[in-house]
N, C-alpha and C. Protein backbone atom coordinates (compact mmCIF):
# COMPACT_ATOMS: atom_id res chain seq x y z
N MET A 1 177.08 90.45 74.78
CA MET A 1 177.06 91.88 75.74
C MET A 1 174.96 92.19 76.10
N ARG A 2 174.65 92.12 74.88
CA ARG A 2 173.33 92.45 74.37
C ARG A 2 172.31 91.28 74.52
N ARG A 3 173.27 90.25 74.93
CA ARG A 3 172.28 88.80 75.23
C ARG A 3 172.36 88.84 76.95
N LEU A 4 172.88 89.02 77.77
CA LEU A 4 173.43 88.74 79.33
C LEU A 4 172.34 89.88 79.37
N THR A 5 172.46 91.21 78.96
CA THR A 5 171.33 92.08 79.33
C THR A 5 169.91 91.99 78.99
N ALA A 6 169.65 91.35 78.02
CA ALA A 6 168.39 90.58 77.59
C ALA A 6 167.53 89.51 78.46
N LEU A 7 168.88 89.01 78.62
CA LEU A 7 168.25 87.42 79.73
C LEU A 7 167.68 88.09 80.51
N CYS A 8 168.61 88.90 81.42
CA CYS A 8 168.66 89.07 82.47
C CYS A 8 166.55 90.46 83.10
N ALA A 9 166.63 91.12 81.61
CA ALA A 9 165.97 91.30 81.77
C ALA A 9 164.51 90.95 81.61
N ALA A 10 164.65 90.50 80.64
CA ALA A 10 163.55 88.66 81.02
C ALA A 10 163.44 88.21 82.52
N ALA A 11 164.45 87.39 83.13
CA ALA A 11 164.10 86.81 84.20
C ALA A 11 163.13 88.28 85.38
N GLY A 12 164.63 89.37 85.25
CA GLY A 12 163.61 90.13 86.31
C GLY A 12 162.09 90.51 86.10
N ILE A 13 161.29 90.05 85.29
CA ILE A 13 160.24 90.37 84.48
C ILE A 13 159.99 89.11 85.20
N ALA A 14 160.38 88.22 84.98
CA ALA A 14 159.48 86.89 85.13
C ALA A 14 159.49 86.63 86.84
N MET A 15 161.04 87.13 87.32
CA MET A 15 160.29 87.15 89.18
C MET A 15 159.00 87.95 89.67
N SER A 16 158.95 89.20 88.66
CA SER A 16 158.01 89.77 89.66
C SER A 16 156.85 89.40 89.16
N ALA A 17 156.25 89.30 87.64
CA ALA A 17 155.19 88.24 87.51
C ALA A 17 154.92 87.29 87.85
N PHE A 18 155.80 86.76 88.69
CA PHE A 18 155.67 84.85 89.40
C PHE A 18 155.29 85.81 90.76
N ILE A 19 155.40 86.93 91.26
CA ILE A 19 155.20 87.66 93.37
C ILE A 19 154.08 88.19 92.76
N VAL A 20 154.00 88.72 91.91
CA VAL A 20 152.55 89.61 91.27
C VAL A 20 151.49 88.09 91.56
N VAL A 21 151.72 87.45 91.17
CA VAL A 21 150.16 86.18 90.77
C VAL A 21 150.58 85.01 92.18
N SER A 22 151.21 85.52 92.70
CA SER A 22 151.20 85.12 94.30
C SER A 22 151.00 86.28 95.75
N PRO A 23 149.59 85.63 95.41
CA PRO A 23 149.26 86.46 96.48
C PRO A 23 149.68 86.17 98.23
N ALA A 24 150.15 87.48 98.86
CA ALA A 24 151.09 87.95 99.84
C ALA A 24 149.88 87.22 100.63
N GLN A 25 149.61 86.63 101.93
CA GLN A 25 149.13 86.20 102.83
C GLN A 25 150.32 86.59 103.99
N ALA A 26 149.32 86.98 104.83
CA ALA A 26 150.19 87.65 106.11
C ALA A 26 149.34 86.34 107.49
N ALA A 27 150.34 85.45 107.97
CA ALA A 27 150.61 84.63 108.83
C ALA A 27 149.85 85.28 110.05
N PRO A 28 148.88 84.90 110.74
CA PRO A 28 148.48 86.02 111.94
C PRO A 28 149.35 85.74 113.32
N TRP A 29 150.05 85.96 114.58
CA TRP A 29 150.24 85.42 114.75
C TRP A 29 150.35 84.97 116.45
N SER A 30 150.11 83.49 116.82
CA SER A 30 149.23 83.61 118.53
C SER A 30 149.91 83.54 119.56
N LEU A 31 149.20 83.96 120.41
CA LEU A 31 149.94 83.52 122.43
C LEU A 31 149.97 82.46 122.60
N VAL A 32 150.82 81.68 122.64
CA VAL A 32 151.19 80.38 123.08
C VAL A 32 151.41 80.42 125.13
N ARG A 33 150.24 79.88 125.18
CA ARG A 33 150.84 79.72 127.38
C ARG A 33 151.05 79.01 127.46
N TYR A 34 152.32 78.22 128.55
CA TYR A 34 152.85 76.63 129.01
C TYR A 34 152.02 76.39 130.05
N ASP A 35 151.96 75.76 130.44
CA ASP A 35 150.94 75.08 131.54
C ASP A 35 152.16 74.81 132.49
N ASN A 36 152.69 74.41 132.39
CA ASN A 36 153.93 74.24 134.16
C ASN A 36 154.30 75.49 134.21
N THR A 37 154.78 76.36 133.25
CA THR A 37 155.33 77.27 133.99
C THR A 37 154.42 78.80 133.50
N GLY A 38 153.80 79.05 132.73
CA GLY A 38 152.68 79.86 132.75
C GLY A 38 153.57 80.66 131.52
N TYR A 39 154.53 80.41 131.48
CA TYR A 39 155.40 81.07 129.99
C TYR A 39 154.50 81.55 129.45
N CYS A 40 154.73 82.64 128.57
CA CYS A 40 153.96 82.73 126.66
C CYS A 40 154.57 83.30 125.71
N GLN A 41 154.78 82.67 124.81
CA GLN A 41 154.95 82.49 123.61
C GLN A 41 154.68 83.25 122.45
N ILE A 42 155.21 83.90 121.78
CA ILE A 42 154.80 84.48 120.97
C ILE A 42 155.54 83.64 119.14
N TRP A 43 153.77 82.72 118.70
CA TRP A 43 153.93 81.92 117.91
C TRP A 43 153.31 81.79 116.75
N ASP A 44 154.14 81.86 115.50
CA ASP A 44 153.63 82.49 113.92
C ASP A 44 152.90 81.22 113.35
N SER A 45 151.41 81.66 113.73
CA SER A 45 150.50 80.18 113.25
C SER A 45 150.75 79.79 111.78
N GLY A 46 151.57 80.77 110.71
CA GLY A 46 151.69 80.56 109.26
C GLY A 46 152.40 79.27 109.47
N LEU A 47 152.92 79.34 110.53
CA LEU A 47 153.60 77.25 110.11
C LEU A 47 153.37 76.57 109.99
N SER A 48 153.99 75.56 109.21
CA SER A 48 153.84 73.94 108.91
C SER A 48 154.00 73.20 110.24
N PHE A 49 154.01 73.54 111.21
CA PHE A 49 154.46 73.20 112.49
C PHE A 49 153.97 73.79 114.14
N LYS A 50 153.82 72.91 114.80
CA LYS A 50 153.25 73.11 116.39
C LYS A 50 154.06 72.85 117.10
N PRO A 51 154.28 74.73 117.84
CA PRO A 51 154.44 74.42 118.81
C PRO A 51 155.57 72.58 119.67
N LEU A 52 156.13 72.37 120.24
CA LEU A 52 156.61 71.46 121.19
C LEU A 52 155.47 71.01 122.07
N LYS A 53 155.40 69.90 122.39
CA LYS A 53 154.83 69.85 123.88
C LYS A 53 155.29 69.16 125.01
N TRP A 54 155.85 68.66 124.56
CA TRP A 54 156.57 68.08 125.96
C TRP A 54 158.35 69.55 126.11
N PRO A 55 158.20 68.99 127.52
CA PRO A 55 157.54 68.31 128.46
C PRO A 55 156.21 68.31 129.16
N SER A 56 156.12 69.41 128.23
CA SER A 56 154.26 70.40 129.17
C SER A 56 153.23 70.67 127.82
N ASP A 57 152.42 70.55 129.02
CA ASP A 57 151.34 70.64 127.54
C ASP A 57 150.95 73.07 127.43
N TYR A 58 150.32 73.04 126.44
CA TYR A 58 150.16 74.62 126.13
C TYR A 58 148.73 74.83 125.66
N LYS A 59 148.29 75.96 125.79
CA LYS A 59 147.59 76.55 125.23
C LYS A 59 147.20 77.39 124.08
N MET A 60 146.46 78.11 123.27
CA MET A 60 146.42 79.12 122.28
C MET A 60 145.39 80.13 123.08
N ILE A 61 146.04 81.24 123.68
CA ILE A 61 145.14 82.41 124.60
C ILE A 61 145.24 83.56 123.29
N GLY A 62 144.07 84.59 123.90
CA GLY A 62 144.02 85.57 123.43
C GLY A 62 143.84 85.55 121.02
N LYS A 63 143.72 86.46 121.42
CA LYS A 63 143.29 86.38 119.39
C LYS A 63 144.64 86.66 119.14
N PRO A 64 144.10 86.07 117.27
CA PRO A 64 145.14 86.21 117.07
C PRO A 64 145.47 87.16 116.61
N ALA A 65 146.81 87.96 116.46
CA ALA A 65 147.18 89.09 116.24
C ALA A 65 148.52 89.53 114.45
N PRO A 66 147.67 90.57 113.82
CA PRO A 66 147.56 90.10 112.45
C PRO A 66 149.52 90.47 112.30
N THR A 67 149.83 91.29 113.11
CA THR A 67 151.28 91.28 113.20
C THR A 67 152.55 91.27 114.34
N LEU A 68 153.84 91.02 114.00
CA LEU A 68 154.00 90.70 115.11
C LEU A 68 153.94 91.24 116.68
N ASN A 69 153.99 92.47 116.00
CA ASN A 69 153.48 93.78 117.27
C ASN A 69 152.85 94.65 117.55
N ALA A 70 151.64 93.46 117.47
CA ALA A 70 150.62 93.63 117.75
C ALA A 70 150.93 92.67 118.64
N ALA A 71 151.08 91.35 118.36
CA ALA A 71 151.27 90.50 119.39
C ALA A 71 152.06 90.52 120.55
N ILE A 72 153.28 90.85 119.80
CA ILE A 72 154.37 91.81 121.40
C ILE A 72 153.73 92.66 122.27
N GLY A 73 152.69 93.10 121.23
CA GLY A 73 151.86 94.37 122.54
C GLY A 73 150.46 93.86 123.87
N GLU A 74 149.84 92.50 122.58
CA GLU A 74 149.12 91.84 123.44
C GLU A 74 149.82 90.96 124.92
N ARG A 75 151.52 89.98 124.49
CA ARG A 75 152.03 89.34 125.02
C ARG A 75 151.82 90.37 126.85
N ASP A 76 152.60 91.27 126.14
CA ASP A 76 152.70 92.44 126.74
C ASP A 76 151.28 93.12 128.08
N VAL A 77 150.47 93.25 127.69
CA VAL A 77 149.04 93.91 127.99
C VAL A 77 148.87 92.36 129.43
N LEU A 78 149.10 90.94 128.92
CA LEU A 78 149.02 89.80 129.75
C LEU A 78 149.59 89.63 130.36
N ILE A 79 150.66 90.02 130.62
CA ILE A 79 151.81 89.71 131.22
C ILE A 79 151.62 90.96 133.02
N LYS A 80 151.61 92.65 132.16
CA LYS A 80 150.53 93.18 133.12
C LYS A 80 149.45 92.56 134.19
N LYS A 81 148.78 91.96 133.39
CA LYS A 81 147.69 91.48 134.13
C LYS A 81 147.80 89.87 135.42
N GLY A 82 149.28 89.72 133.92
CA GLY A 82 149.38 88.83 135.98
C GLY A 82 148.69 87.83 135.23
N LYS A 83 148.56 87.43 134.13
CA LYS A 83 148.22 86.13 133.13
C LYS A 83 148.86 85.43 132.13
N CYS A 84 150.30 85.47 132.22
CA CYS A 84 151.69 85.32 131.35
C CYS A 84 152.39 85.49 132.53
N ARG A 85 154.04 85.12 131.85
CA ARG A 85 155.01 85.20 132.61
C ARG A 85 155.71 85.88 131.78
N GLY A 86 156.71 86.63 131.25
CA GLY A 86 157.63 86.77 130.15
C GLY A 86 158.47 86.28 130.63
């Protein structure tokens, strides 16, 4: 039983050291506006792939937002101004 406890403690310490060593990167959120519909989508810029360009093209609009809530707020402002469709 002591070996199991020691093994679990060692695993926990190793995992916490790994988490502390790797820096947390907050991916900025961007707004994507599709040309043919005007629909605006919130996109996580930290993803390794880009939004689908077929059947229409898109543009990244606005400034990248640091949080999802900020991106939602920016999208809502652009919808009220008529620059995006929700």
